[in-house]
Amino acid sequence: MEPTIIGLDFAKMEFQLHGVDERGNIVFTKRLHRGGVLTFFASLAAWVIGMEACARGHRRAREISKLGYRAT
């Protein structure tokens, strides 16, 4: 089953992702290094992504939105 919402938590060098389906069931959890985030999202269908509101978050949201995602 594919996720419909992905949560993205920022850290300095690693990012934690958490994907859930339309029922709220966990589909995946994944830890990525900074350089692998856009590569990961480029390989998937576009879903809604929830992320923290900070300077780094706004920059990542713009980058991820260019791939067709809706960052909230």
PDB file of N, CA and C in Angstrom:
ATOM      1  N   MET A   1       0.839  -1.175   0.000  1.00  0.00           N
ATOM      2  CA  MET A   1       0.000   0.000   0.000  1.00  0.00           C
ATOM      3  C   MET A   1       0.885   1.240   0.000  1.00  0.00           C
ATOM      4  N   GLU A   2       0.464   2.268  -0.703  1.00  0.00           N
ATOM      5  CA  GLU A   2       1.246   3.497  -0.792  1.00  0.00           C
ATOM      6  C   GLU A   2       0.753   4.535   0.202  1.00  0.00           C
ATOM      7  N   PRO A   3       1.666   5.366   0.696  1.00  0.00           N
ATOM      8  CA  PRO A   3       1.249   6.412   1.631  1.00  0.00           C
ATOM      9  C   PRO A   3       0.519   7.538   0.918  1.00  0.00           C
ATOM     10  N   THR A   4      -0.323   8.230   1.648  1.00  0.00           N
ATOM     11  CA  THR A   4      -0.982   9.419   1.112  1.00  0.00           C
ATOM     12  C   THR A   4      -0.429  10.681   1.765  1.00  0.00           C
ATOM     13  N   ILE A   5       0.159  10.528   2.942  1.00  0.00           N
ATOM     14  CA  ILE A   5       0.769  11.661   3.649  1.00  0.00           C
ATOM     15  C   ILE A   5       2.144  11.227   4.155  1.00  0.00           C
ATOM     16  N   ILE A   6       3.113  12.104   4.000  1.00  0.00           N
ATOM     17  CA  ILE A   6       4.455  11.835   4.504  1.00  0.00           C
ATOM     18  C   ILE A   6       4.844  12.954   5.461  1.00  0.00           C
ATOM     19  N   GLY A   7       5.282  12.588   6.660  1.00  0.00           N
ATOM     20  CA  GLY A   7       5.819  13.540   7.617  1.00  0.00           C
ATOM     21  C   GLY A   7       7.321  13.592   7.465  1.00  0.00           C
ATOM     22  N   LEU A   8       7.873  14.787   7.481  1.00  0.00           N
ATOM     23  CA  LEU A   8       9.313  14.969   7.292  1.00  0.00           C
ATOM     24  C   LEU A   8       9.860  15.782   8.457  1.00  0.00           C
ATOM     25  N   ASP A   9      10.792  15.198   9.205  1.00  0.00           N
ATOM     26  CA  ASP A   9      11.410  15.869  10.347  1.00  0.00           C
ATOM     27  C   ASP A   9      12.861  16.178   9.989  1.00  0.00           C
ATOM     28  N   PHE A  10      13.267  17.417  10.190  1.00  0.00           N
ATOM     29  CA  PHE A  10      14.608  17.875   9.840  1.00  0.00           C
ATOM     30  C   PHE A  10      15.577  17.710  10.996  1.00  0.00           C
ATOM     31  N   ALA A  11      16.809  17.440  10.658  1.00  0.00           N
ATOM     32  CA  ALA A  11      17.924  17.464  11.600  1.00  0.00           C
ATOM     33  C   ALA A  11      19.098  18.061  10.833  1.00  0.00           C
ATOM     34  N   LYS A  12      20.244  18.143  11.447  1.00  0.00           N
ATOM     35  CA  LYS A  12      21.374  18.759  10.751  1.00  0.00           C
ATOM     36  C   LYS A  12      21.826  17.944   9.555  1.00  0.00           C
ATOM     37  N   MET A  13      22.027  16.658   9.723  1.00  0.00           N
ATOM     38  CA  MET A  13      22.546  15.837   8.627  1.00  0.00           C
ATOM     39  C   MET A  13      21.591  14.730   8.187  1.00  0.00           C
ATOM     40  N   GLU A  14      20.640  14.348   9.035  1.00  0.00           N
ATOM     41  CA  GLU A  14      19.715  13.278   8.711  1.00  0.00           C
ATOM     42  C   GLU A  14      18.277  13.768   8.812  1.00  0.00           C
ATOM     43  N   PHE A  15      17.425  13.177   8.010  1.00  0.00           N
ATOM     44  CA  PHE A  15      16.012  13.508   7.994  1.00  0.00           C
ATOM     45  C   PHE A  15      15.230  12.229   8.257  1.00  0.00           C
ATOM     46  N   GLN A  16      14.168  12.319   9.038  1.00  0.00           N
ATOM     47  CA  GLN A  16      13.328  11.173   9.346  1.00  0.00           C
ATOM     48  C   GLN A  16      12.014  11.335   8.595  1.00  0.00           C
ATOM     49  N   LEU A  17      11.599  10.293   7.853  1.00  0.00           N
ATOM     50  CA  LEU A  17      10.353  10.313   7.111  1.00  0.00           C
ATOM     51  C   LEU A  17       9.410   9.268   7.693  1.00  0.00           C
ATOM     52  N   HIS A  18       8.123   9.580   7.664  1.00  0.00           N
ATOM     53  CA  HIS A  18       7.100   8.708   8.218  1.00  0.00           C
ATOM     54  C   HIS A  18       5.913   8.771   7.270  1.00  0.00           C
ATOM     55  N   GLY A  19       5.590   7.677   6.593  1.00  0.00           N
ATOM     56  CA  GLY A  19       4.489   7.660   5.633  1.00  0.00           C
ATOM     57  C   GLY A  19       3.297   6.896   6.176  1.00  0.00           C
ATOM     58  N   VAL A  20       2.096   7.463   6.010  1.00  0.00           N
ATOM     59  CA  VAL A  20       0.860   6.798   6.429  1.00  0.00           C
ATOM     60  C   VAL A  20      -0.115   6.754   5.256  1.00  0.00           C
ATOM     61  N   ASP A  21      -1.016   5.764   5.281  1.00  0.00           N
ATOM     62  CA  ASP A  21      -2.028   5.663   4.236  1.00  0.00           C
ATOM     63  C   ASP A  21      -3.268   6.448   4.632  1.00  0.00           C
ATOM     64  N   GLU A  22      -4.327   6.330   3.822  1.00  0.00           N
ATOM     65  CA  GLU A  22      -5.545   7.114   4.069  1.00  0.00           C
ATOM     66  C   GLU A  22      -6.244   6.739   5.366  1.00  0.00           C
ATOM     67  N   ARG A  23      -5.938   5.580   5.930  1.00  0.00           N
ATOM     68  CA  ARG A  23      -6.534   5.152   7.202  1.00  0.00           C
ATOM     69  C   ARG A  23      -5.654   5.472   8.404  1.00  0.00           C
ATOM     70  N   GLY A  24      -4.486   6.032   8.150  1.00  0.00           N
ATOM     71  CA  GLY A  24      -3.564   6.363   9.229  1.00  0.00           C
ATOM     72  C   GLY A  24      -2.626   5.235   9.593  1.00  0.00           C
ATOM     73  N   ASN A  25      -2.621   4.163   8.809  1.00  0.00           N
ATOM     74  CA  ASN A  25      -1.715   3.046   9.056  1.00  0.00           C
ATOM     75  C   ASN A  25      -0.306   3.407   8.574  1.00  0.00           C
ATOM     76  N   ILE A  26       0.683   3.038   9.354  1.00  0.00           N
ATOM     77  CA  ILE A  26       2.070   3.318   8.983  1.00  0.00           C
ATOM     78  C   ILE A  26       2.452   2.460   7.785  1.00  0.00           C
ATOM     79  N   VAL A  27       2.949   3.105   6.743  1.00  0.00           N
ATOM     80  CA  VAL A  27       3.391   2.412   5.540  1.00  0.00           C
ATOM     81  C   VAL A  27       4.913   2.260   5.559  1.00  0.00           C
ATOM     82  N   PHE A  28       5.611   3.307   6.003  1.00  0.00           N
ATOM     83  CA  PHE A  28       7.059   3.218   6.115  1.00  0.00           C
ATOM     84  C   PHE A  28       7.583   4.267   7.070  1.00  0.00           C
ATOM     85  N   THR A  29       8.760   4.002   7.596  1.00  0.00           N
ATOM     86  CA  THR A  29       9.576   4.998   8.287  1.00  0.00           C
ATOM     87  C   THR A  29      10.962   4.861   7.671  1.00  0.00           C
ATOM     88  N   LYS A  30      11.600   5.973   7.463  1.00  0.00           N
ATOM     89  CA  LYS A  30      12.876   5.954   6.760  1.00  0.00           C
ATOM     90  C   LYS A  30      13.747   7.100   7.255  1.00  0.00           C
ATOM     91  N   ARG A  31      15.035   6.857   7.336  1.00  0.00           N
ATOM     92  CA  ARG A  31      16.001   7.876   7.703  1.00  0.00           C
ATOM     93  C   ARG A  31      16.884   8.133   6.486  1.00  0.00           C
ATOM     94  N   LEU A  32      16.995   9.399   6.091  1.00  0.00           N
ATOM     95  CA  LEU A  32      17.800   9.767   4.930  1.00  0.00           C
ATOM     96  C   LEU A  32      18.837  10.810   5.304  1.00  0.00           C
ATOM     97  N   HIS A  33      19.961  10.770   4.637  1.00  0.00           N
ATOM     98  CA  HIS A  33      20.945  11.840   4.771  1.00  0.00           C
ATOM     99  C   HIS A  33      20.486  13.023   3.918  1.00  0.00           C
ATOM    100  N   ARG A  34      20.981  14.173   4.217  1.00  0.00           N
ATOM    101  CA  ARG A  34      20.565  15.419   3.568  1.00  0.00           C
ATOM    102  C   ARG A  34      20.549  15.323   2.040  1.00  0.00           C
ATOM    103  N   GLY A  35      21.574  14.771   1.450  1.00  0.00           N
ATOM    104  CA  GLY A  35      21.671  14.701  -0.004  1.00  0.00           C
ATOM    105  C   GLY A  35      20.690  13.748  -0.658  1.00  0.00           C
ATOM    106  N   GLY A  36      20.106  12.834   0.105  1.00  0.00           N
ATOM    107  CA  GLY A  36      19.203  11.847  -0.473  1.00  0.00           C
ATOM    108  C   GLY A  36      17.737  12.213  -0.440  1.00  0.00           C
ATOM    109  N   VAL A  37      17.386  13.343   0.176  1.00  0.00           N
ATOM    110  CA  VAL A  37      15.978  13.702   0.347  1.00  0.00           C
ATOM    111  C   VAL A  37      15.299  13.964  -1.002  1.00  0.00           C
ATOM    112  N   LEU A  38      15.854  14.845  -1.804  1.00  0.00           N
ATOM    113  CA  LEU A  38      15.226  15.152  -3.096  1.00  0.00           C
ATOM    114  C   LEU A  38      15.241  13.952  -4.028  1.00  0.00           C
ATOM    115  N   THR A  39      16.294  13.152  -3.983  1.00  0.00           N
ATOM    116  CA  THR A  39      16.351  11.941  -4.798  1.00  0.00           C
ATOM    117  C   THR A  39      15.238  10.982  -4.408  1.00  0.00           C
ATOM    118  N   PHE A  40      14.998  10.837  -3.121  1.00  0.00           N
ATOM    119  CA  PHE A  40      13.930   9.962  -2.633  1.00  0.00           C
ATOM    120  C   PHE A  40      12.572  10.446  -3.135  1.00  0.00           C
ATOM    121  N   PHE A  41      12.287  11.737  -2.968  1.00  0.00           N
ATOM    122  CA  PHE A  41      10.985  12.258  -3.375  1.00  0.00           C
ATOM    123  C   PHE A  41      10.812  12.260  -4.891  1.00  0.00           C
ATOM    124  N   ALA A  42      11.890  12.415  -5.626  1.00  0.00           N
ATOM    125  CA  ALA A  42      11.805  12.403  -7.091  1.00  0.00           C
ATOM    126  C   ALA A  42      11.403  11.029  -7.616  1.00  0.00           C
ATOM    127  N   SER A  43      11.634   9.979  -6.839  1.00  0.00           N
ATOM    128  CA  SER A  43      11.336   8.622  -7.296  1.00  0.00           C
ATOM    129  C   SER A  43       9.925   8.160  -6.939  1.00  0.00           C
ATOM    130  N   LEU A  44       9.143   8.995  -6.263  1.00  0.00           N
ATOM    131  CA  LEU A  44       7.804   8.614  -5.806  1.00  0.00           C
ATOM    132  C   LEU A  44       6.717   9.446  -6.471  1.00  0.00           C
ATOM    133  N   ALA A  45       5.483   8.959  -6.363  1.00  0.00           N
ATOM    134  CA  ALA A  45       4.336   9.759  -6.790  1.00  0.00           C
ATOM    135  C   ALA A  45       4.171  10.919  -5.810  1.00  0.00           C
ATOM    136  N   ALA A  46       3.532  11.986  -6.254  1.00  0.00           N
ATOM    137  CA  ALA A  46       3.383  13.185  -5.412  1.00  0.00           C
ATOM    138  C   ALA A  46       2.277  12.993  -4.376  1.00  0.00           C
ATOM    139  N   TRP A  47       2.609  13.189  -3.108  1.00  0.00           N
ATOM    140  CA  TRP A  47       1.672  13.122  -2.005  1.00  0.00           C
ATOM    141  C   TRP A  47       1.741  14.410  -1.212  1.00  0.00           C
ATOM    142  N   VAL A  48       0.972  14.481  -0.149  1.00  0.00           N
ATOM    143  CA  VAL A  48       1.040  15.618   0.765  1.00  0.00           C
ATOM    144  C   VAL A  48       2.182  15.356   1.743  1.00  0.00           C
ATOM    145  N   ILE A  49       2.975  16.390   1.986  1.00  0.00           N
ATOM    146  CA  ILE A  49       4.093  16.273   2.919  1.00  0.00           C
ATOM    147  C   ILE A  49       3.916  17.299   4.033  1.00  0.00           C
ATOM    148  N   GLY A  50       3.952  16.847   5.271  1.00  0.00           N
ATOM    149  CA  GLY A  50       3.895  17.736   6.421  1.00  0.00           C
ATOM    150  C   GLY A  50       5.289  17.907   6.984  1.00  0.00           C
ATOM    151  N   MET A  51       5.663  19.167   7.229  1.00  0.00           N
ATOM    152  CA  MET A  51       6.998  19.428   7.769  1.00  0.00           C
ATOM    153  C   MET A  51       6.958  20.618   8.710  1.00  0.00           C
ATOM    154  N   GLU A  52       7.977  20.718   9.521  1.00  0.00           N
ATOM    155  CA  GLU A  52       8.045  21.807  10.489  1.00  0.00           C
ATOM    156  C   GLU A  52       8.274  23.153   9.786  1.00  0.00           C
ATOM    157  N   ALA A  53       7.792  24.207  10.402  1.00  0.00           N
ATOM    158  CA  ALA A  53       7.949  25.549   9.837  1.00  0.00           C
ATOM    159  C   ALA A  53       9.193  26.200  10.421  1.00  0.00           C
ATOM    160  N   CYS A  54      10.244  26.222   9.634  1.00  0.00           N
ATOM    161  CA  CYS A  54      11.486  26.872  10.013  1.00  0.00           C
ATOM    162  C   CYS A  54      12.160  27.307   8.716  1.00  0.00           C
ATOM    163  N   ALA A  55      13.239  28.039   8.800  1.00  0.00           N
ATOM    164  CA  ALA A  55      13.910  28.521   7.587  1.00  0.00           C
ATOM    165  C   ALA A  55      14.307  27.352   6.688  1.00  0.00           C
ATOM    166  N   ARG A  56      14.839  26.323   7.265  1.00  0.00           N
ATOM    167  CA  ARG A  56      15.232  25.150   6.493  1.00  0.00           C
ATOM    168  C   ARG A  56      14.009  24.465   5.896  1.00  0.00           C
ATOM    169  N   GLY A  57      12.915  24.445   6.647  1.00  0.00           N
ATOM    170  CA  GLY A  57      11.681  23.824   6.174  1.00  0.00           C
ATOM    171  C   GLY A  57      11.092  24.542   4.977  1.00  0.00           C
ATOM    172  N   HIS A  58      11.106  25.855   4.996  1.00  0.00           N
ATOM    173  CA  HIS A  58      10.567  26.629   3.871  1.00  0.00           C
ATOM    174  C   HIS A  58      11.385  26.393   2.610  1.00  0.00           C
ATOM    175  N   ARG A  59      12.681  26.324   2.764  1.00  0.00           N
ATOM    176  CA  ARG A  59      13.552  26.061   1.605  1.00  0.00           C
ATOM    177  C   ARG A  59      13.285  24.672   1.037  1.00  0.00           C
ATOM    178  N   ARG A  60      13.228  23.667   1.917  1.00  0.00           N
ATOM    179  CA  ARG A  60      12.945  22.297   1.460  1.00  0.00           C
ATOM    180  C   ARG A  60      11.555  22.194   0.847  1.00  0.00           C
ATOM    181  N   ALA A  61      10.589  22.897   1.415  1.00  0.00           N
ATOM    182  CA  ALA A  61       9.229  22.867   0.870  1.00  0.00           C
ATOM    183  C   ALA A  61       9.205  23.390  -0.560  1.00  0.00           C
ATOM    184  N   ARG A  62       9.938  24.449  -0.825  1.00  0.00           N
ATOM    185  CA  ARG A  62      10.000  24.979  -2.201  1.00  0.00           C
ATOM    186  C   ARG A  62      10.641  23.977  -3.142  1.00  0.00           C
ATOM    187  N   GLU A  63      11.715  23.327  -2.694  1.00  0.00           N
ATOM    188  CA  GLU A  63      12.396  22.340  -3.537  1.00  0.00           C
ATOM    189  C   GLU A  63      11.499  21.141  -3.811  1.00  0.00           C
ATOM    190  N   ILE A  64      10.826  20.641  -2.782  1.00  0.00           N
ATOM    191  CA  ILE A  64       9.969  19.466  -2.926  1.00  0.00           C
ATOM    192  C   ILE A  64       8.718  19.801  -3.732  1.00  0.00           C
ATOM    193  N   SER A  65       8.196  21.016  -3.585  1.00  0.00           N
ATOM    194  CA  SER A  65       7.010  21.432  -4.349  1.00  0.00           C
ATOM    195  C   SER A  65       7.280  21.435  -5.851  1.00  0.00           C
ATOM    196  N   LYS A  66       8.507  21.692  -6.228  1.00  0.00           N
ATOM    197  CA  LYS A  66       8.876  21.666  -7.661  1.00  0.00           C
ATOM    198  C   LYS A  66       8.741  20.264  -8.246  1.00  0.00           C
ATOM    199  N   LEU A  67       8.732  19.240  -7.382  1.00  0.00           N
ATOM    200  CA  LEU A  67       8.588  17.855  -7.830  1.00  0.00           C
ATOM    201  C   LEU A  67       7.113  17.437  -7.908  1.00  0.00           C
ATOM    202  N   GLY A  68       6.191  18.363  -7.602  1.00  0.00           N
ATOM    203  CA  GLY A  68       4.771  18.082  -7.706  1.00  0.00           C
ATOM    204  C   GLY A  68       4.069  17.792  -6.385  1.00  0.00           C
ATOM    205  N   TYR A  69       4.780  17.845  -5.265  1.00  0.00           N
ATOM    206  CA  TYR A  69       4.197  17.584  -3.965  1.00  0.00           C
ATOM    207  C   TYR A  69       3.514  18.829  -3.419  1.00  0.00           C
ATOM    208  N   ARG A  70       2.610  18.639  -2.474  1.00  0.00           N
ATOM    209  CA  ARG A  70       2.015  19.750  -1.745  1.00  0.00           C
ATOM    210  C   ARG A  70       2.595  19.723  -0.333  1.00  0.00           C
ATOM    211  N   ALA A  71       3.470  20.664  -0.047  1.00  0.00           N
ATOM    212  CA  ALA A  71       4.123  20.730   1.260  1.00  0.00           C
ATOM    213  C   ALA A  71       3.294  21.622   2.166  1.00  0.00           C
ATOM    214  N   THR A  72       2.944  21.097   3.361  1.00  0.00           N
ATOM    215  CA  THR A  72       2.146  21.869   4.310  1.00  0.00           C
ATOM    216  C   THR A  72       2.849  21.957   5.638  1.00  0.00           C
TER     217      THR A  72
END
